[in-house]
């Protein structure tokens, strides 16, 4: 084994993969450059449209921004656009799998690579938990259309509310004026856990997602949302938009201008998937042109759709009544689309609303695909980190028959299922948005570092505005991260420390794993030549190649 050129200024924690080494890994990739701007935009839209719009929109409207959630989407989308341009420059310079984790390893050093990898657990793993909670909400809603929900999941009472048994997280967040509490419900979200278990089981077996399948799913999700918008316009009551920006309650982040920014910080989750476009740089026909078009095009299309859905949703249902894991289902049911009723004996009232049923089926289909991609991305990030020696080797063990990293998939599936079963969507959404915003800021910092340290490097795509745009991206992302962290600190000081405890425990576990294992087993520190032997290692690659192409060392 040869020793790759590394740098670190003498500090072990800041050892870096050389850019030449990363580009060597990229050169050994077997991926074909077949994706054009439309394919990349479709990939981005498919990865972006998920739990953010199907799930968190109602939570943010009811607790933070009211009808002004439309402005929250614009703010979050702008921050993502700044980070997206930085992703595009790095992807054109280092078109290799591993995405942000690899970028950090080559620019800021090993400790930053570890932090990025651990943040990506929040972005993918905890995001999958959040999607699963929303997925369970739509499953229960569609079961109720057939008169089955009360039989299988009877409603139970808990302090401050009620919910279906075995489909409600153990912990709930209840806001009553200025006070916030986290009562235990006495049950857990078994439906969400089963959803994650099913997805991870498929990943162990080696599910392959083709680009054509992704395009079909994208079309289904867009049709669902456009149908909701087109049908819902007729049922909008403009009085529900008054006041557009509700008066602040005095509690930080609850309505007013502060609520808009707090809403943007939470709804930032809705844009998580755009990163998948940058991870496809190695497959783009013309990365310098196609990647920016794919990223910015997907962000613009999704922001317009998001704003229109939010406008209809808050126009049909008063914003305070949208606190549901399935807000689109709530809005559809509120419309009372009796013209679309068809006879069905088992349905309540003997009628099934066909439009409502099809939209909910579309939501479940879309959320299922997002769960699959997020869980896939998480296991492959851990796979990449394990091959670098920063995680135990078991995360990179390949099943002899299915050719998938089966041990890591099972372990992560169990952990993600536990989070989905026990934690409410509000806490999960905050953790995801906080982790994602912080990760995006590190990506922007990587661009600044390379511009200063390696101005001579060939950059097929250059961020317009250079370091100034990257710095603006850092400020925007950290501002949104602060708007997620600040409420956790306030809750810890005033009423309940649970969210901050979860965050601190998560950070502590990550630090302990690196100190106890990653620091001592890093292949880079040992001078081992790490080459890219996989054809896929990112969520984006899953769409084009599936998981069957992974090769063992």
Protein backbone atom coordinates (compact mmCIF):
# COMPACT_ATOMS: atom_id res chain seq x y z
CA UNK A 1 0.00 0.00 0.00
CA UNK A 2 1.34 3.43 -0.90
CA UNK A 3 1.14 6.45 1.30
CA UNK A 4 -1.19 9.10 -0.13
CA UNK A 5 -0.14 12.71 0.16
CA UNK A 6 -1.86 14.23 3.15
CA UNK A 7 -1.61 17.50 4.96
CA UNK A 8 -2.57 18.78 8.33
CA UNK A 9 -0.09 21.35 9.48
CA UNK A 10 1.33 18.90 12.02
CA UNK A 11 -1.99 18.60 13.84
CA UNK A 12 -3.30 15.06 13.84
CA UNK A 13 -6.96 16.20 13.99
CA UNK A 14 -6.61 18.24 10.82
CA UNK A 15 -5.07 15.62 8.56
CA UNK A 16 -6.54 16.07 5.09
CA UNK A 17 -6.99 13.91 2.07
CA UNK A 18 -5.10 15.71 -0.65
CA UNK A 19 -7.18 17.07 -3.49
CA UNK A 20 -5.08 14.92 -5.80
CA UNK A 21 -6.07 11.83 -3.82
CA UNK A 22 -9.77 12.73 -3.96
CA UNK A 23 -9.55 13.38 -7.68
CA UNK A 24 -7.79 10.03 -8.04
CA UNK A 25 -10.79 8.40 -6.36
CA UNK A 26 -13.05 10.26 -8.78
CA UNK A 27 -10.98 9.12 -11.75
CA UNK A 28 -11.36 5.48 -10.68
CA UNK A 29 -15.15 5.79 -10.56
CA UNK A 30 -17.01 3.59 -13.02
CA UNK A 31 -19.98 5.92 -13.27
CA UNK A 32 -21.01 7.06 -16.74
CA UNK A 33 -21.76 10.69 -17.49
CA UNK A 34 -25.32 10.30 -18.71
CA UNK A 35 -27.34 12.85 -16.68
CA UNK A 36 -28.42 16.12 -18.24
CA UNK A 37 -29.96 19.17 -16.53
CA UNK A 38 -33.53 17.83 -16.74
CA UNK A 39 -32.51 14.51 -15.16
CA UNK A 40 -30.67 16.37 -12.40
CA UNK A 41 -33.56 18.72 -11.79
CA UNK A 42 -35.92 15.74 -11.60
CA UNK A 43 -33.56 14.06 -9.17
CA UNK A 44 -33.52 17.18 -7.00
CA UNK A 45 -37.30 17.62 -7.06
CA UNK A 46 -37.78 13.95 -6.21
CA UNK A 47 -35.46 14.16 -3.23
CA UNK A 48 -36.76 17.54 -2.01
CA UNK A 49 -40.51 16.95 -2.15
CA UNK A 50 -41.18 14.82 0.88
CA UNK A 51 -41.95 15.19 4.56
CA UNK A 52 -41.24 18.91 4.54
CA UNK A 53 -44.34 19.71 2.50
CA UNK A 54 -46.45 16.65 3.32
CA UNK A 55 -45.79 16.81 7.07
CA UNK A 56 -44.02 19.81 8.62
CA UNK A 57 -46.01 22.52 6.82
CA UNK A 58 -48.96 22.15 9.17
CA UNK A 59 -46.73 22.10 12.27
CA UNK A 60 -44.96 25.32 11.27
CA UNK A 61 -48.15 27.14 10.24
CA UNK A 62 -49.97 26.27 13.47
CA UNK A 63 -47.14 26.97 15.92
CA UNK A 64 -44.87 29.57 14.32
CA UNK A 65 -45.67 31.47 11.12
CA UNK A 66 -49.39 31.18 10.39
CA UNK A 67 -50.23 32.00 6.74
CA UNK A 68 -46.84 33.76 6.50
CA UNK A 69 -45.27 30.32 6.21
CA UNK A 70 -45.12 31.22 2.53
CA UNK A 71 -42.41 33.76 3.43
CA UNK A 72 -40.66 31.12 5.54
CA UNK A 73 -40.31 28.98 2.42
CA UNK A 74 -38.71 31.87 0.53
CA UNK A 75 -36.17 32.52 3.30
CA UNK A 76 -35.24 28.85 3.64
CA UNK A 77 -35.03 28.45 -0.15
CA UNK A 78 -32.69 31.45 -0.43
CA UNK A 79 -30.32 30.00 2.19
CA UNK A 80 -30.36 26.68 0.33
CA UNK A 81 -29.60 28.42 -2.98
CA UNK A 82 -26.47 30.01 -1.49
CA UNK A 83 -25.33 26.66 -0.12
CA UNK A 84 -26.34 24.95 -3.36
CA UNK A 85 -24.00 27.14 -5.41
CA UNK A 86 -21.15 26.14 -3.09
CA UNK A 87 -22.10 22.49 -3.50
CA UNK A 88 -22.00 22.97 -7.27
CA UNK A 89 -18.45 24.37 -7.21
CA UNK A 90 -17.16 21.57 -4.98
CA UNK A 91 -18.97 18.92 -7.01
CA UNK A 92 -17.42 20.16 -10.25
CA UNK A 93 -13.95 20.23 -8.64
CA UNK A 94 -14.23 16.92 -6.77
CA UNK A 95 -16.85 14.79 -8.56
CA UNK A 96 -16.54 11.86 -6.14
CA UNK A 97 -18.95 9.92 -3.95
CA UNK A 98 -19.26 10.85 -0.29
CA UNK A 99 -20.50 14.36 -1.00
CA UNK A 100 -20.08 16.84 1.88
CA UNK A 101 -18.19 14.32 4.01
CA UNK A 102 -15.53 13.94 1.32
CA UNK A 103 -15.39 17.69 0.69
CA UNK A 104 -14.71 18.34 4.38
CA UNK A 105 -12.04 15.62 4.46
CA UNK A 106 -10.18 17.25 1.59
CA UNK A 107 -10.41 20.86 2.76
CA UNK A 108 -10.81 21.26 6.52
CA UNK A 109 -9.40 18.01 7.89
CA UNK A 110 -10.40 14.74 9.53
CA UNK A 111 -12.14 16.16 12.59
CA UNK A 112 -14.35 18.30 10.34
CA UNK A 113 -15.00 15.28 8.15
CA UNK A 114 -16.14 13.38 11.24
CA UNK A 115 -18.36 16.29 12.34
CA UNK A 116 -19.82 16.45 8.84
CA UNK A 117 -20.45 12.72 8.80
CA UNK A 118 -22.13 12.90 12.20
CA UNK A 119 -24.24 15.87 11.08
CA UNK A 120 -25.29 13.89 8.02
CA UNK A 121 -26.74 11.33 10.42
CA UNK A 122 -29.13 14.07 11.49
CA UNK A 123 -29.73 15.02 7.88
CA UNK A 124 -30.50 11.50 6.69
CA UNK A 125 -31.12 9.16 9.63
CA UNK A 126 -33.22 11.45 11.81
CA UNK A 127 -34.89 12.86 8.70
CA UNK A 128 -35.99 9.31 7.88
CA UNK A 129 -37.53 9.12 11.36
CA UNK A 130 -39.38 12.37 10.71
CA UNK A 131 -40.67 11.11 7.37
CA UNK A 132 -41.79 7.88 9.04
CA UNK A 133 -43.86 9.80 11.59
CA UNK A 134 -45.58 11.70 8.78
CA UNK A 135 -45.97 8.49 6.78
CA UNK A 136 -47.77 6.89 9.74
CA UNK A 137 -50.13 9.89 9.90
CA UNK A 138 -51.20 9.39 6.29
CA UNK A 139 -51.52 5.62 6.79
CA UNK A 140 -53.89 6.19 9.72
CA UNK A 141 -55.82 8.79 7.70
CA UNK A 142 -56.35 6.42 4.79
CA UNK A 143 -57.34 3.57 7.14
CA UNK A 144 -59.98 5.86 8.60
CA UNK A 145 -61.42 6.26 5.08
CA UNK A 146 -62.14 2.54 5.19
CA UNK A 147 -63.46 2.60 8.74
CA UNK A 148 -60.47 0.64 10.07
CA UNK A 149 -58.48 3.14 12.12
CA UNK A 150 -60.66 3.01 15.24
CA UNK A 151 -60.64 -0.79 15.20
CA UNK A 152 -56.89 -1.14 14.75
CA UNK A 153 -55.70 2.06 16.41
CA UNK A 154 -58.27 3.33 18.95
CA UNK A 155 -57.88 6.90 20.16
CA UNK A 156 -56.25 7.34 23.57
CA UNK A 157 -56.10 10.38 25.85
CA UNK A 158 -52.90 11.85 27.25
CA UNK A 159 -52.03 15.09 29.02
CA UNK A 160 -52.90 17.91 26.61
CA UNK A 161 -54.31 15.91 23.73
CA UNK A 162 -55.26 12.63 22.14
CA UNK A 163 -53.95 10.35 19.42
CA UNK A 164 -54.29 6.87 17.92
CA UNK A 165 -52.77 4.08 19.98
CA UNK A 166 -49.66 2.47 18.40
CA UNK A 167 -49.46 5.39 15.97
CA UNK A 168 -48.52 8.18 18.41
CA UNK A 169 -44.94 8.79 19.64
CA UNK A 170 -44.15 8.12 23.30
CA UNK A 171 -43.21 11.79 23.81
CA UNK A 172 -45.49 14.62 22.72
CA UNK A 173 -44.89 18.36 22.56
CA UNK A 174 -47.78 20.42 23.94
CA UNK A 175 -47.77 24.23 23.76
CA UNK A 176 -50.22 26.09 25.96
CA UNK A 177 -49.66 29.80 25.68
CA UNK A 178 -46.17 30.58 26.92
CA UNK A 179 -45.58 27.14 28.47
CA UNK A 180 -44.36 24.03 26.72
CA UNK A 181 -44.52 20.50 28.05
CA UNK A 182 -43.46 17.06 26.83
CA UNK A 183 -45.98 14.59 28.30
CA UNK A 184 -45.64 10.82 27.88
CA UNK A 185 -48.49 9.24 25.96
CA UNK A 186 -48.21 5.69 27.27
CA UNK A 187 -47.89 4.32 23.72
CA UNK A 188 -45.44 4.56 20.84
CA UNK A 189 -45.54 4.92 17.07
CA UNK A 190 -45.42 1.28 16.00
CA UNK A 191 -46.65 2.17 12.49
CA UNK A 192 -43.67 4.48 11.88
CA UNK A 193 -41.24 1.86 13.23
CA UNK A 194 -42.72 -0.79 10.94
CA UNK A 195 -42.33 1.56 7.97
CA UNK A 196 -38.61 2.04 8.67
CA UNK A 197 -38.14 -1.69 9.27
CA UNK A 198 -39.74 -2.48 5.91
CA UNK A 199 -37.56 0.02 4.06
CA UNK A 200 -34.34 -1.22 5.69
CA UNK A 201 -35.31 -4.82 4.96
CA UNK A 202 -35.61 -3.92 1.28
CA UNK A 203 -32.22 -2.22 1.39
CA UNK A 204 -30.60 -5.31 2.88
CA UNK A 205 -32.05 -7.39 0.04
CA UNK A 206 -30.65 -4.98 -2.53
CA UNK A 207 -33.41 -2.80 -3.92
CA UNK A 208 -32.42 -1.00 -7.11
CA UNK A 209 -33.94 2.39 -7.87
CA UNK A 210 -33.60 3.35 -11.54
CA UNK A 211 -33.73 6.87 -12.89
CA UNK A 212 -36.97 5.99 -14.68
CA UNK A 213 -38.60 4.84 -11.43
CA UNK A 214 -37.49 8.07 -9.79
CA UNK A 215 -39.02 10.10 -12.61
CA UNK A 216 -42.32 8.23 -12.19
CA UNK A 217 -42.35 8.91 -8.44
CA UNK A 218 -41.53 12.57 -9.07
CA UNK A 219 -44.46 12.82 -11.49
CA UNK A 220 -46.80 11.18 -8.95
CA UNK A 221 -45.76 13.59 -6.19
CA UNK A 222 -46.10 16.65 -8.40
CA UNK A 223 -49.51 15.49 -9.67
CA UNK A 224 -50.65 14.97 -6.08
CA UNK A 225 -49.61 18.47 -5.05
CA UNK A 226 -50.91 20.16 -8.20
CA UNK A 227 -54.22 18.33 -7.81
CA UNK A 228 -54.41 19.52 -4.21
CA UNK A 229 -53.75 23.09 -5.34
CA UNK A 230 -56.18 22.98 -8.28
CA UNK A 231 -59.02 21.42 -6.28
CA UNK A 232 -58.37 23.37 -3.11
CA UNK A 233 -58.44 26.85 -4.66
CA UNK A 234 -62.23 26.69 -4.87
CA UNK A 235 -62.46 26.02 -1.12
CA UNK A 236 -60.12 28.76 0.04
CA UNK A 237 -61.61 31.27 2.49
CA UNK A 238 -59.48 34.46 2.34
CA UNK A 239 -60.54 35.26 5.91
CA UNK A 240 -58.27 32.43 7.02
CA UNK A 241 -55.31 34.48 5.78
CA UNK A 242 -56.15 37.37 8.09
CA UNK A 243 -53.93 38.34 9.77
CA UNK A 244 -51.29 37.16 7.31
CA UNK A 245 -48.61 37.56 9.99
CA UNK A 246 -50.29 36.68 13.31
CA UNK A 247 -49.52 38.80 16.34
CA UNK A 248 -46.62 37.42 18.40
CA UNK A 249 -47.61 35.65 21.61
CA UNK A 250 -44.61 36.85 23.57
CA UNK A 251 -43.02 33.42 23.33
CA UNK A 252 -39.93 33.45 21.12
CA UNK A 253 -40.64 32.06 17.66
CA UNK A 254 -44.42 32.02 18.03
CA UNK A 255 -45.83 34.21 15.25
CA UNK A 256 -44.84 37.72 14.26
CA UNK A 257 -41.63 38.32 12.28
CA UNK A 258 -39.75 36.08 14.71
CA UNK A 259 -42.19 33.30 13.90
CA UNK A 260 -41.45 33.65 10.18
CA UNK A 261 -37.72 33.18 10.80
CA UNK A 262 -38.35 30.35 13.26
CA UNK A 263 -40.63 28.78 10.65
CA UNK A 264 -37.89 29.13 8.02
CA UNK A 265 -35.46 27.37 10.35
CA UNK A 266 -37.83 24.42 10.81
CA UNK A 267 -39.06 24.27 7.23
CA UNK A 268 -35.42 24.23 6.11
CA UNK A 269 -35.99 20.50 6.47
CA UNK A 270 -38.18 20.68 3.36
CA UNK A 271 -35.13 21.40 1.19
CA UNK A 272 -32.81 18.71 2.56
CA UNK A 273 -32.84 16.62 -0.61
CA UNK A 274 -31.31 19.17 -3.00
CA UNK A 275 -27.87 17.94 -1.92
CA UNK A 276 -28.59 14.78 -3.91
CA UNK A 277 -28.03 16.79 -7.12
CA UNK A 278 -24.44 17.64 -6.15
CA UNK A 279 -23.68 14.00 -5.33
CA UNK A 280 -24.52 13.14 -8.94
CA UNK A 281 -21.72 15.34 -10.30
CA UNK A 282 -19.73 12.27 -11.36
CA UNK A 283 -22.63 11.28 -13.63
CA UNK A 284 -23.43 14.71 -15.09
CA UNK A 285 -22.67 15.23 -18.78
CA UNK A 286 -21.45 18.77 -18.15
CA UNK A 287 -21.05 19.38 -14.38
CA UNK A 288 -20.10 23.05 -14.72
CA UNK A 289 -23.39 23.79 -16.47
CA UNK A 290 -25.78 21.01 -15.51
CA UNK A 291 -25.23 20.87 -11.72
CA UNK A 292 -26.10 24.56 -11.06
CA UNK A 293 -29.14 24.28 -13.34
CA UNK A 294 -30.25 21.11 -11.55
CA UNK A 295 -29.81 22.58 -8.08
CA UNK A 296 -31.27 26.04 -8.68
CA UNK A 297 -34.01 24.72 -10.97
CA UNK A 298 -35.15 22.18 -8.38
CA UNK A 299 -35.11 24.83 -5.63
CA UNK A 300 -37.17 27.31 -7.69
CA UNK A 301 -39.74 24.73 -8.78
CA UNK A 302 -40.13 23.32 -5.27
CA UNK A 303 -40.35 26.76 -3.63
CA UNK A 304 -43.17 27.79 -5.98
CA UNK A 305 -45.04 24.52 -5.35
CA UNK A 306 -44.45 24.81 -1.59
CA UNK A 307 -45.81 28.35 -1.45
CA UNK A 308 -48.90 27.42 -3.46
CA UNK A 309 -49.60 24.36 -1.28
CA UNK A 310 -49.13 26.42 1.89
CA UNK A 311 -51.45 29.13 0.54
CA UNK A 312 -54.24 26.62 -0.18
CA UNK A 313 -53.70 24.72 3.05
CA UNK A 314 -53.91 27.80 5.29
CA UNK A 315 -56.75 29.18 3.17
CA UNK A 316 -58.88 26.05 3.60
CA UNK A 317 -58.09 25.30 7.26
CA UNK A 318 -57.46 27.96 9.95
CA UNK A 319 -53.73 27.74 10.65
CA UNK A 320 -54.19 26.90 14.35
CA UNK A 321 -55.96 23.67 13.35
CA UNK A 322 -53.14 22.32 11.17
CA UNK A 323 -51.05 20.74 13.95
CA UNK A 324 -51.17 17.27 12.44
CA UNK A 325 -48.55 14.89 11.00
CA UNK A 326 -50.75 14.71 7.89
CA UNK A 327 -51.85 18.33 7.24
CA UNK A 328 -52.73 17.82 3.56
CA UNK A 329 -55.09 15.02 4.61
CA UNK A 330 -56.68 17.39 7.15
CA UNK A 331 -57.18 20.05 4.47
CA UNK A 332 -58.63 17.55 1.96
CA UNK A 333 -61.07 16.17 4.51
CA UNK A 334 -62.08 19.72 5.46
CA UNK A 335 -62.93 20.52 1.83
CA UNK A 336 -65.73 17.94 1.86
CA UNK A 337 -65.41 17.00 -1.79
CA UNK A 338 -68.80 15.28 -1.96
CA UNK A 339 -68.85 15.38 -5.75
CA UNK A 340 -65.99 12.86 -5.70
CA UNK A 341 -67.72 10.41 -3.33
CA UNK A 342 -68.19 6.82 -4.48
CA UNK A 343 -70.23 4.13 -2.68
CA UNK A 344 -68.20 1.92 -0.31
CA UNK A 345 -69.98 -0.04 2.37
CA UNK A 346 -67.07 -0.21 4.85
CA UNK A 347 -66.30 3.52 4.70
CA UNK A 348 -67.80 5.90 7.29
CA UNK A 349 -71.19 7.00 5.94
CA UNK A 350 -70.93 4.40 3.18
CA UNK A 351 -68.98 6.80 0.95
CA UNK A 352 -65.31 6.99 -0.04
CA UNK A 353 -63.98 10.25 -1.44
CA UNK A 354 -61.98 9.29 -4.51
CA UNK A 355 -59.94 12.52 -4.75
CA UNK A 356 -59.02 12.38 -1.07
CA UNK A 357 -58.09 8.71 -1.36
CA UNK A 358 -55.87 9.20 -4.42
CA UNK A 359 -54.05 12.19 -2.93
CA UNK A 360 -53.35 10.30 0.30
CA UNK A 361 -52.11 7.29 -1.68
CA UNK A 362 -49.83 9.62 -3.61
CA UNK A 363 -48.53 11.12 -0.35
CA UNK A 364 -47.83 7.67 1.08
CA UNK A 365 -46.05 6.64 -2.15
CA UNK A 366 -43.92 9.76 -2.15
CA UNK A 367 -43.03 9.50 1.53
CA UNK A 368 -42.16 5.82 1.11
CA UNK A 369 -39.66 6.63 -1.64
CA UNK A 370 -38.15 9.42 0.47
CA UNK A 371 -37.75 7.03 3.44
CA UNK A 372 -35.99 4.59 1.13
CA UNK A 373 -33.59 7.22 -0.23
CA UNK A 374 -32.83 8.71 3.20
CA UNK A 375 -32.14 5.32 4.79
CA UNK A 376 -30.05 4.37 1.77
CA UNK A 377 -28.04 7.58 2.01
CA UNK A 378 -27.42 7.11 5.73
CA UNK A 379 -26.14 3.56 5.41
CA UNK A 380 -23.86 4.51 2.50
CA UNK A 381 -22.40 7.48 4.36
CA UNK A 382 -21.58 5.17 7.27
CA UNK A 383 -20.21 2.67 4.74
CA UNK A 384 -17.84 5.33 3.37
CA UNK A 385 -16.76 6.42 6.86
CA UNK A 386 -16.15 2.80 7.89
CA UNK A 387 -13.95 2.24 4.84
CA UNK A 388 -11.95 5.32 5.88
CA UNK A 389 -11.50 3.71 9.30
CA UNK A 390 -13.53 6.30 11.21
CA UNK A 391 -16.28 3.80 12.12
CA UNK A 392 -16.11 0.11 13.02
CA UNK A 393 -15.45 -2.22 10.12
CA UNK A 394 -18.86 -3.89 10.58
CA UNK A 395 -20.56 -0.92 8.88
CA UNK A 396 -18.64 -1.79 5.69
CA UNK A 397 -19.18 -5.56 5.77
CA UNK A 398 -20.85 -6.69 2.55
CA UNK A 399 -23.41 -9.49 2.53
CA UNK A 400 -22.02 -12.36 0.42
CA UNK A 401 -25.31 -12.87 -1.46
CA UNK A 402 -27.08 -9.52 -1.56
CA UNK A 403 -23.88 -7.43 -1.91
CA UNK A 404 -25.15 -4.78 0.50
CA UNK A 405 -23.70 -3.43 3.78
CA UNK A 406 -26.25 -5.45 5.72
CA UNK A 407 -24.97 -5.11 9.30
CA UNK A 408 -24.85 -1.33 9.15
CA UNK A 409 -28.27 -1.22 7.50
CA UNK A 410 -29.83 -3.34 10.26
CA UNK A 411 -28.18 -1.41 13.11
CA UNK A 412 -29.16 1.96 11.66
CA UNK A 413 -32.66 0.69 10.89
CA UNK A 414 -33.14 -0.22 14.56
CA UNK A 415 -31.90 3.19 15.76
CA UNK A 416 -34.01 5.12 13.24
CA UNK A 417 -37.09 3.04 14.16
CA UNK A 418 -36.60 3.84 17.87
CA UNK A 419 -36.41 7.57 17.14
CA UNK A 420 -39.55 7.41 14.97
CA UNK A 421 -41.45 5.42 17.60
CA UNK A 422 -40.59 7.54 20.63
CA UNK A 423 -40.06 11.18 19.56
CA UNK A 424 -42.58 13.73 18.24
CA UNK A 425 -42.19 15.18 14.80
CA UNK A 426 -41.50 18.67 16.22
CA UNK A 427 -38.32 17.57 18.00
CA UNK A 428 -37.19 15.38 15.11
CA UNK A 429 -37.73 18.21 12.63
CA UNK A 430 -35.71 20.63 14.76
CA UNK A 431 -32.79 18.19 15.02
CA UNK A 432 -32.77 17.55 11.27
CA UNK A 433 -32.92 21.23 10.34
CA UNK A 434 -30.22 22.14 12.88
CA UNK A 435 -27.88 19.42 11.64
CA UNK A 436 -28.52 20.19 7.98
CA UNK A 437 -28.01 23.95 8.31
CA UNK A 438 -24.74 23.39 10.18
CA UNK A 439 -23.56 20.90 7.56
CA UNK A 440 -24.37 23.32 4.75
CA UNK A 441 -22.37 26.07 6.46
CA UNK A 442 -19.32 23.75 6.55
CA UNK A 443 -19.73 23.19 2.80
CA UNK A 444 -19.68 26.95 2.25
CA UNK A 445 -16.58 27.21 4.47
CA UNK A 446 -14.88 24.54 2.34
CA UNK A 447 -15.32 26.73 -0.74
CA UNK A 448 -13.70 29.68 1.03
CA UNK A 449 -10.79 27.49 2.18
CA UNK A 450 -10.11 26.17 -1.33
CA UNK A 451 -10.40 29.63 -2.90
CA UNK A 452 -7.72 30.92 -0.49
CA UNK A 453 -5.42 27.87 -0.28
CA UNK A 454 -5.71 26.62 -3.85
CA UNK A 455 -6.57 29.56 -6.13
CA UNK A 456 -4.85 27.74 -9.01
CA UNK A 457 -7.23 24.75 -8.90
CA UNK A 458 -9.33 24.13 -11.97
CA UNK A 459 -12.97 24.89 -11.21
CA UNK A 460 -15.36 23.95 -14.04
CA UNK A 461 -18.04 25.84 -12.13
CA UNK A 462 -17.27 28.89 -9.99
CA UNK A 463 -19.68 30.34 -7.46
CA UNK A 464 -20.80 33.79 -8.66
CA UNK A 465 -19.48 36.28 -6.14
CA UNK A 466 -16.82 33.87 -4.91
CA UNK A 467 -16.00 33.96 -1.20
CA UNK A 468 -18.61 36.68 -0.59
CA UNK A 469 -21.44 34.41 -1.72
CA UNK A 470 -19.97 31.53 0.31
CA UNK A 471 -19.74 33.78 3.37
CA UNK A 472 -23.36 34.86 2.86
CA UNK A 473 -24.28 31.17 2.72
CA UNK A 474 -22.51 30.56 6.03
CA UNK A 475 -24.32 33.47 7.67
CA UNK A 476 -27.73 32.41 6.32
CA UNK A 477 -27.33 28.76 7.33
CA UNK A 478 -25.95 29.54 10.79
CA UNK A 479 -28.78 32.03 11.34
CA UNK A 480 -31.31 29.30 10.62
CA UNK A 481 -29.36 26.87 12.82
CA UNK A 482 -29.45 29.44 15.63
CA UNK A 483 -33.22 29.72 15.26
CA UNK A 484 -33.44 25.98 15.91
CA UNK A 485 -30.91 25.89 18.76
CA UNK A 486 -32.24 28.94 20.62
CA UNK A 487 -35.68 27.42 21.47
CA UNK A 488 -33.94 24.30 22.80
CA UNK A 489 -31.86 26.45 25.15
CA UNK A 490 -34.92 28.45 26.23
CA UNK A 491 -36.90 25.28 26.94
CA UNK A 492 -33.99 23.96 28.99
CA UNK A 493 -33.94 27.15 31.06
CA UNK A 494 -37.70 27.59 31.47
CA UNK A 495 -39.74 24.40 31.30
CA UNK A 496 -38.22 21.24 29.85
CA UNK A 497 -34.62 20.34 28.92
CA UNK A 498 -35.50 17.28 26.80
CA UNK A 499 -34.67 18.70 23.32
CA UNK A 500 -31.32 20.12 24.48
CA UNK A 501 -30.50 16.91 26.35
CA UNK A 502 -31.12 14.90 23.19
CA UNK A 503 -28.88 17.22 21.16
CA UNK A 504 -26.11 17.24 23.79
CA UNK A 505 -26.27 13.46 24.16
CA UNK A 506 -26.08 13.04 20.39
CA UNK A 507 -23.02 15.31 20.18
CA UNK A 508 -21.39 13.53 23.13
CA UNK A 509 -21.92 10.08 21.59
CA UNK A 510 -20.37 11.29 18.33
CA UNK A 511 -17.35 12.73 20.12
CA UNK A 512 -16.85 9.53 22.14
CA UNK A 513 -17.00 7.31 19.05
CA UNK A 514 -14.37 9.41 17.30
CA UNK A 515 -12.10 9.61 20.37
CA UNK A 516 -12.43 5.91 21.20
CA UNK A 517 -12.35 4.52 17.65
CA UNK A 518 -12.01 6.87 14.68
CA UNK A 519 -8.92 8.70 15.94
CA UNK A 520 -7.02 5.42 16.37
CA UNK A 521 -8.21 3.55 13.28
CA UNK A 522 -8.11 6.30 10.64
CA UNK A 523 -6.62 4.83 7.47
CA UNK A 524 -5.44 8.26 6.40
CA UNK A 525 -3.43 8.69 9.62
CA UNK A 526 -1.90 5.26 9.09
CA UNK A 527 -0.84 6.16 5.56
CA UNK A 528 -3.11 3.61 3.93
CA UNK A 529 -4.02 4.42 0.34
CA UNK A 530 -7.80 4.72 0.30
CA UNK A 531 -9.24 4.24 -3.16
CA UNK A 532 -12.84 4.42 -4.23
CA UNK A 533 -13.89 0.84 -5.01
CA UNK A 534 -17.62 1.39 -4.97
CA UNK A 535 -19.67 2.55 -7.89
CA UNK A 536 -22.21 4.14 -5.58
CA UNK A 537 -22.08 5.76 -2.21
CA UNK A 538 -24.78 8.40 -2.19
CA UNK A 539 -28.55 8.74 -2.30
CA UNK A 540 -28.33 10.20 -5.77
CA UNK A 541 -26.48 7.19 -7.12
CA UNK A 542 -29.26 4.95 -5.81
CA UNK A 543 -31.62 6.31 -8.44
CA UNK A 544 -29.31 5.40 -11.28
CA UNK A 545 -27.63 2.22 -10.13
CA UNK A 546 -29.29 0.71 -7.08
CA UNK A 547 -27.29 -0.93 -4.33
CA UNK A 548 -26.24 -4.09 -6.11
CA UNK A 549 -22.98 -2.69 -7.50
CA UNK A 550 -21.15 -2.31 -4.19
CA UNK A 551 -17.85 -4.12 -4.21
CA UNK A 552 -16.07 -5.58 -1.26
CA UNK A 553 -12.49 -4.68 -0.39
